[in-house]
């Protein structure tokens, strides 16, 4: 997208992820197998939030520094502990209305 030399990169991403099941690879990590379709349990609130999005911007300052920012409602994967079962769960961190994340980075490249 044109940014009229204000930014070096501006990226907008939209994705329609129309799936009734959690986006998780926990079963594969801990059982070394992919779940079969009949082993999956639909999640009632998952399909309601099928539109994923991200806005990413980057500005280089001189030859070595960059400022990078991102706002997103996407497939960010985090390890979360499920304390009742004493196990880890890997899956999308954002799947409810109002969930989103932002980040701001300053990078130095040699």
N, C-alpha and C. Protein backbone atom coordinates (compact mmCIF):
# COMPACT_ATOMS: atom_id res chain seq x y z
N UNK A 1 0.84 -1.18 0.00
CA UNK A 1 0.00 0.00 0.00
C UNK A 1 0.88 1.24 0.00
N UNK A 2 0.52 2.24 -0.73
CA UNK A 2 1.33 3.46 -0.72
C UNK A 2 1.22 4.19 0.63
N UNK A 3 2.36 4.62 1.13
CA UNK A 3 2.37 5.33 2.41
C UNK A 3 3.02 6.71 2.27
N UNK A 4 3.33 7.11 1.03
CA UNK A 4 3.85 8.45 0.76
C UNK A 4 5.11 8.76 1.56
N UNK A 5 5.99 7.74 1.68
CA UNK A 5 7.29 7.82 2.35
C UNK A 5 7.19 8.06 3.85
N UNK A 6 6.01 7.91 4.41
CA UNK A 6 5.87 7.99 5.88
C UNK A 6 6.32 6.68 6.50
N UNK A 7 5.95 5.55 5.88
CA UNK A 7 6.34 4.22 6.32
C UNK A 7 7.08 3.52 5.21
N UNK A 8 7.93 2.56 5.57
CA UNK A 8 8.60 1.75 4.56
C UNK A 8 7.77 0.52 4.20
N UNK A 9 7.00 0.02 5.15
CA UNK A 9 6.13 -1.14 4.92
C UNK A 9 4.80 -0.90 5.62
N UNK A 10 3.72 -1.15 4.92
CA UNK A 10 2.39 -1.18 5.52
C UNK A 10 1.67 -2.38 4.92
N UNK A 11 1.28 -3.30 5.78
CA UNK A 11 0.65 -4.53 5.32
C UNK A 11 -0.66 -4.73 6.09
N UNK A 12 -1.72 -5.01 5.35
CA UNK A 12 -3.01 -5.32 5.95
C UNK A 12 -3.41 -6.70 5.48
N UNK A 13 -3.76 -7.55 6.41
CA UNK A 13 -4.11 -8.94 6.09
C UNK A 13 -5.48 -9.27 6.65
N UNK A 14 -6.30 -9.89 5.83
CA UNK A 14 -7.61 -10.39 6.24
C UNK A 14 -7.67 -11.87 5.90
N UNK A 15 -8.27 -12.65 6.78
CA UNK A 15 -8.40 -14.08 6.54
C UNK A 15 -9.76 -14.54 7.05
N UNK A 16 -10.42 -15.35 6.26
CA UNK A 16 -11.66 -15.98 6.69
C UNK A 16 -11.32 -17.40 7.09
N UNK A 17 -11.39 -17.72 8.39
CA UNK A 17 -11.01 -19.02 8.93
C UNK A 17 -12.28 -19.67 9.45
N UNK A 18 -13.05 -20.25 8.54
CA UNK A 18 -14.37 -20.79 8.85
C UNK A 18 -14.25 -22.25 9.26
N UNK A 19 -14.02 -22.49 10.55
CA UNK A 19 -13.76 -23.83 11.07
C UNK A 19 -14.38 -23.91 12.46
N UNK A 20 -15.06 -25.00 12.76
CA UNK A 20 -15.77 -25.16 14.03
C UNK A 20 -14.89 -25.63 15.18
N UNK A 21 -13.62 -25.87 14.93
CA UNK A 21 -12.76 -26.50 15.93
C UNK A 21 -11.62 -25.58 16.31
N UNK A 22 -11.09 -25.77 17.51
CA UNK A 22 -9.97 -24.96 17.96
C UNK A 22 -8.75 -25.19 17.07
N UNK A 23 -8.01 -24.14 16.79
CA UNK A 23 -6.79 -24.23 16.02
C UNK A 23 -5.66 -24.53 16.99
N UNK A 24 -5.41 -25.81 17.24
CA UNK A 24 -4.44 -26.23 18.24
C UNK A 24 -3.64 -27.42 17.74
N UNK A 25 -2.39 -27.49 18.13
CA UNK A 25 -1.58 -28.64 17.79
C UNK A 25 -1.14 -29.40 19.04
N UNK A 26 -1.88 -29.26 20.15
CA UNK A 26 -1.56 -29.96 21.39
C UNK A 26 -1.59 -31.47 21.22
N UNK A 27 -2.60 -32.01 20.55
CA UNK A 27 -2.70 -33.45 20.39
C UNK A 27 -1.49 -34.00 19.65
N UNK A 28 -1.06 -33.28 18.63
CA UNK A 28 0.10 -33.74 17.86
C UNK A 28 1.37 -33.69 18.73
N UNK A 29 1.56 -32.63 19.49
CA UNK A 29 2.78 -32.51 20.31
C UNK A 29 2.87 -33.58 21.38
N UNK A 30 1.77 -33.87 22.03
CA UNK A 30 1.83 -34.75 23.19
C UNK A 30 1.49 -36.20 22.87
N UNK A 31 0.78 -36.46 21.80
CA UNK A 31 0.45 -37.84 21.45
C UNK A 31 1.15 -38.27 20.16
N UNK A 32 1.92 -37.39 19.54
CA UNK A 32 2.61 -37.63 18.28
C UNK A 32 1.65 -38.16 17.20
N UNK A 33 0.46 -37.62 17.19
CA UNK A 33 -0.50 -37.99 16.16
C UNK A 33 -1.44 -36.82 15.92
N UNK A 34 -1.94 -36.75 14.73
CA UNK A 34 -2.95 -35.75 14.43
C UNK A 34 -4.32 -36.32 14.78
N UNK A 35 -5.22 -35.51 15.35
CA UNK A 35 -6.54 -36.04 15.68
C UNK A 35 -7.33 -36.36 14.41
N UNK A 36 -8.06 -37.44 14.45
CA UNK A 36 -8.95 -37.79 13.36
C UNK A 36 -10.20 -36.93 13.46
N UNK A 37 -10.89 -36.68 12.33
CA UNK A 37 -12.08 -35.82 12.39
C UNK A 37 -13.12 -36.25 13.42
N UNK A 38 -13.27 -37.55 13.65
CA UNK A 38 -14.27 -37.99 14.63
C UNK A 38 -13.79 -37.82 16.07
N UNK A 39 -12.50 -37.47 16.26
CA UNK A 39 -11.98 -37.21 17.61
C UNK A 39 -12.07 -35.74 17.99
N UNK A 40 -12.40 -34.88 17.05
CA UNK A 40 -12.50 -33.46 17.31
C UNK A 40 -13.87 -33.12 17.89
N UNK A 41 -13.88 -32.19 18.81
CA UNK A 41 -15.13 -31.72 19.40
C UNK A 41 -15.37 -30.28 18.96
N UNK A 42 -16.52 -29.99 18.32
CA UNK A 42 -16.79 -28.61 17.92
C UNK A 42 -16.86 -27.69 19.14
N UNK A 43 -16.47 -26.45 18.93
CA UNK A 43 -16.51 -25.45 19.99
C UNK A 43 -17.54 -24.41 19.58
N UNK A 44 -18.50 -24.13 20.44
CA UNK A 44 -19.64 -23.30 20.06
C UNK A 44 -19.25 -21.86 19.68
N UNK A 45 -18.27 -21.26 20.36
CA UNK A 45 -17.95 -19.86 20.08
C UNK A 45 -16.86 -19.70 19.03
N UNK A 46 -16.33 -20.79 18.47
CA UNK A 46 -15.20 -20.69 17.57
C UNK A 46 -15.61 -20.15 16.20
N UNK A 47 -16.68 -20.66 15.61
CA UNK A 47 -17.05 -20.28 14.26
C UNK A 47 -17.60 -18.85 14.19
N UNK A 48 -18.05 -18.31 15.31
CA UNK A 48 -18.57 -16.95 15.34
C UNK A 48 -17.49 -15.92 15.01
N UNK A 49 -16.25 -16.26 15.24
CA UNK A 49 -15.14 -15.33 15.09
C UNK A 49 -14.22 -15.76 13.95
N UNK A 50 -14.77 -15.96 12.78
CA UNK A 50 -14.02 -16.51 11.65
C UNK A 50 -13.12 -15.50 10.95
N UNK A 51 -13.37 -14.22 11.10
CA UNK A 51 -12.57 -13.21 10.42
C UNK A 51 -11.34 -12.86 11.26
N UNK A 52 -10.16 -13.15 10.71
CA UNK A 52 -8.89 -12.81 11.36
C UNK A 52 -8.28 -11.64 10.59
N UNK A 53 -7.53 -10.77 11.28
CA UNK A 53 -6.96 -9.60 10.63
C UNK A 53 -5.66 -9.19 11.30
N UNK A 54 -4.87 -8.43 10.56
CA UNK A 54 -3.60 -7.93 11.08
C UNK A 54 -3.21 -6.67 10.31
N UNK A 55 -2.67 -5.68 11.01
CA UNK A 55 -2.11 -4.48 10.39
C UNK A 55 -0.67 -4.36 10.90
N UNK A 56 0.27 -4.33 9.97
CA UNK A 56 1.70 -4.32 10.28
C UNK A 56 2.33 -3.09 9.62
N UNK A 57 3.17 -2.38 10.35
CA UNK A 57 3.84 -1.19 9.81
C UNK A 57 5.30 -1.19 10.26
N UNK A 58 6.16 -0.70 9.37
CA UNK A 58 7.60 -0.63 9.67
C UNK A 58 8.17 0.66 9.09
N UNK A 59 9.02 1.29 9.87
CA UNK A 59 9.71 2.51 9.43
C UNK A 59 11.19 2.35 9.75
N UNK A 60 12.03 2.43 8.72
CA UNK A 60 13.48 2.39 8.92
C UNK A 60 13.97 3.79 9.26
N UNK A 61 14.89 3.86 10.22
CA UNK A 61 15.50 5.12 10.63
C UNK A 61 17.00 4.98 10.41
N UNK A 62 17.48 5.64 9.39
CA UNK A 62 18.90 5.49 9.05
C UNK A 62 19.16 4.12 8.45
N UNK A 63 20.42 3.68 8.56
CA UNK A 63 20.80 2.39 7.98
C UNK A 63 20.61 1.21 8.92
N UNK A 64 20.42 1.45 10.20
CA UNK A 64 20.45 0.34 11.15
C UNK A 64 19.21 0.19 12.02
N UNK A 65 18.46 1.22 12.26
CA UNK A 65 17.33 1.14 13.18
C UNK A 65 16.00 1.00 12.43
N UNK A 66 15.09 0.30 13.05
CA UNK A 66 13.73 0.17 12.53
C UNK A 66 12.75 0.23 13.69
N UNK A 67 11.61 0.83 13.45
CA UNK A 67 10.50 0.83 14.40
C UNK A 67 9.38 0.02 13.73
N UNK A 68 8.88 -0.98 14.44
CA UNK A 68 7.91 -1.92 13.88
C UNK A 68 6.71 -1.98 14.81
N UNK A 69 5.52 -1.92 14.25
CA UNK A 69 4.30 -2.03 15.04
C UNK A 69 3.31 -2.96 14.37
N UNK A 70 2.51 -3.63 15.18
CA UNK A 70 1.48 -4.52 14.66
C UNK A 70 0.30 -4.54 15.60
N UNK A 71 -0.89 -4.52 15.02
CA UNK A 71 -2.14 -4.71 15.75
C UNK A 71 -2.84 -5.86 15.06
N UNK A 72 -3.33 -6.84 15.84
CA UNK A 72 -3.87 -8.02 15.18
C UNK A 72 -4.90 -8.76 16.02
N UNK A 73 -5.75 -9.45 15.32
CA UNK A 73 -6.65 -10.48 15.86
C UNK A 73 -6.42 -11.67 14.95
N UNK A 74 -5.39 -12.47 15.28
CA UNK A 74 -4.94 -13.51 14.36
C UNK A 74 -4.70 -14.83 15.08
N UNK A 75 -3.85 -15.66 14.50
CA UNK A 75 -3.60 -17.01 15.02
C UNK A 75 -2.38 -17.06 15.93
N UNK A 76 -2.12 -16.04 16.72
CA UNK A 76 -0.98 -16.07 17.63
C UNK A 76 -1.12 -17.29 18.54
N UNK A 77 -0.09 -18.12 18.57
CA UNK A 77 -0.10 -19.34 19.36
C UNK A 77 0.74 -19.14 20.64
N UNK A 78 0.16 -19.45 21.76
CA UNK A 78 0.86 -19.36 23.04
C UNK A 78 0.71 -20.68 23.78
N UNK A 79 1.70 -20.99 24.60
CA UNK A 79 1.55 -22.14 25.48
C UNK A 79 0.78 -21.67 26.71
N UNK A 80 -0.30 -22.36 27.00
CA UNK A 80 -1.08 -22.03 28.19
C UNK A 80 -1.18 -23.27 29.06
N UNK A 81 -1.02 -23.10 30.33
CA UNK A 81 -1.16 -24.23 31.24
C UNK A 81 -2.61 -24.42 31.61
N UNK A 82 -3.05 -25.65 31.54
CA UNK A 82 -4.39 -26.01 31.97
C UNK A 82 -4.20 -26.61 33.36
N UNK A 83 -4.44 -25.80 34.38
CA UNK A 83 -4.07 -26.19 35.74
C UNK A 83 -4.90 -27.36 36.28
N UNK A 84 -6.13 -27.47 35.88
CA UNK A 84 -6.96 -28.55 36.41
C UNK A 84 -6.46 -29.92 35.95
N UNK A 85 -5.94 -30.00 34.72
CA UNK A 85 -5.43 -31.27 34.21
C UNK A 85 -3.91 -31.37 34.30
N UNK A 86 -3.25 -30.31 34.77
CA UNK A 86 -1.80 -30.26 34.90
C UNK A 86 -1.11 -30.58 33.57
N UNK A 87 -1.54 -29.91 32.50
CA UNK A 87 -0.93 -30.11 31.19
C UNK A 87 -0.88 -28.79 30.45
N UNK A 88 -0.10 -28.75 29.39
CA UNK A 88 0.01 -27.55 28.57
C UNK A 88 -0.95 -27.65 27.40
N UNK A 89 -1.38 -26.49 26.92
CA UNK A 89 -2.26 -26.41 25.77
C UNK A 89 -1.69 -25.40 24.80
N UNK A 90 -1.54 -25.79 23.56
CA UNK A 90 -1.07 -24.89 22.52
C UNK A 90 -2.24 -24.60 21.60
N UNK A 91 -2.57 -23.35 21.41
CA UNK A 91 -3.67 -23.01 20.53
C UNK A 91 -3.77 -21.51 20.36
N UNK A 92 -4.70 -21.10 19.52
CA UNK A 92 -4.90 -19.68 19.28
C UNK A 92 -5.22 -18.96 20.59
N UNK A 93 -4.52 -17.88 20.83
CA UNK A 93 -4.75 -17.10 22.05
C UNK A 93 -5.97 -16.19 21.91
N UNK A 94 -6.33 -15.87 20.69
CA UNK A 94 -7.44 -14.93 20.47
C UNK A 94 -8.56 -15.63 19.70
N UNK A 95 -9.68 -15.83 20.36
CA UNK A 95 -10.81 -16.44 19.66
C UNK A 95 -12.17 -15.91 20.12
N UNK A 96 -12.18 -14.92 20.98
CA UNK A 96 -13.44 -14.34 21.45
C UNK A 96 -13.56 -12.90 20.95
N UNK A 97 -14.78 -12.41 20.87
CA UNK A 97 -14.98 -11.01 20.48
C UNK A 97 -14.24 -10.11 21.47
N UNK A 98 -13.52 -9.15 20.95
CA UNK A 98 -12.78 -8.22 21.80
C UNK A 98 -11.35 -8.63 22.07
N UNK A 99 -10.95 -9.87 21.70
CA UNK A 99 -9.56 -10.28 21.85
C UNK A 99 -8.74 -9.68 20.72
N UNK A 100 -7.61 -9.10 21.04
CA UNK A 100 -6.67 -8.60 20.05
C UNK A 100 -5.35 -8.33 20.76
N UNK A 101 -4.31 -8.12 19.99
CA UNK A 101 -2.99 -7.88 20.57
C UNK A 101 -2.28 -6.79 19.78
N UNK A 102 -1.33 -6.15 20.42
CA UNK A 102 -0.50 -5.17 19.73
C UNK A 102 0.94 -5.36 20.17
N UNK A 103 1.85 -4.95 19.32
CA UNK A 103 3.26 -4.98 19.69
C UNK A 103 3.97 -3.80 19.04
N UNK A 104 5.02 -3.37 19.69
CA UNK A 104 5.85 -2.28 19.21
C UNK A 104 7.29 -2.70 19.47
N UNK A 105 8.10 -2.69 18.41
CA UNK A 105 9.50 -3.12 18.53
C UNK A 105 10.44 -2.05 17.97
N UNK A 106 11.60 -1.98 18.55
CA UNK A 106 12.70 -1.19 18.01
C UNK A 106 13.79 -2.19 17.68
N UNK A 107 14.21 -2.23 16.44
CA UNK A 107 15.20 -3.21 16.01
C UNK A 107 16.48 -2.52 15.54
N UNK A 108 17.60 -3.19 15.76
CA UNK A 108 18.89 -2.70 15.28
C UNK A 108 19.50 -3.80 14.43
N UNK A 109 19.85 -3.47 13.21
CA UNK A 109 20.49 -4.44 12.31
C UNK A 109 21.89 -4.00 11.96
N UNK A 110 22.77 -4.95 11.93
CA UNK A 110 24.18 -4.65 11.60
C UNK A 110 24.38 -4.53 10.12
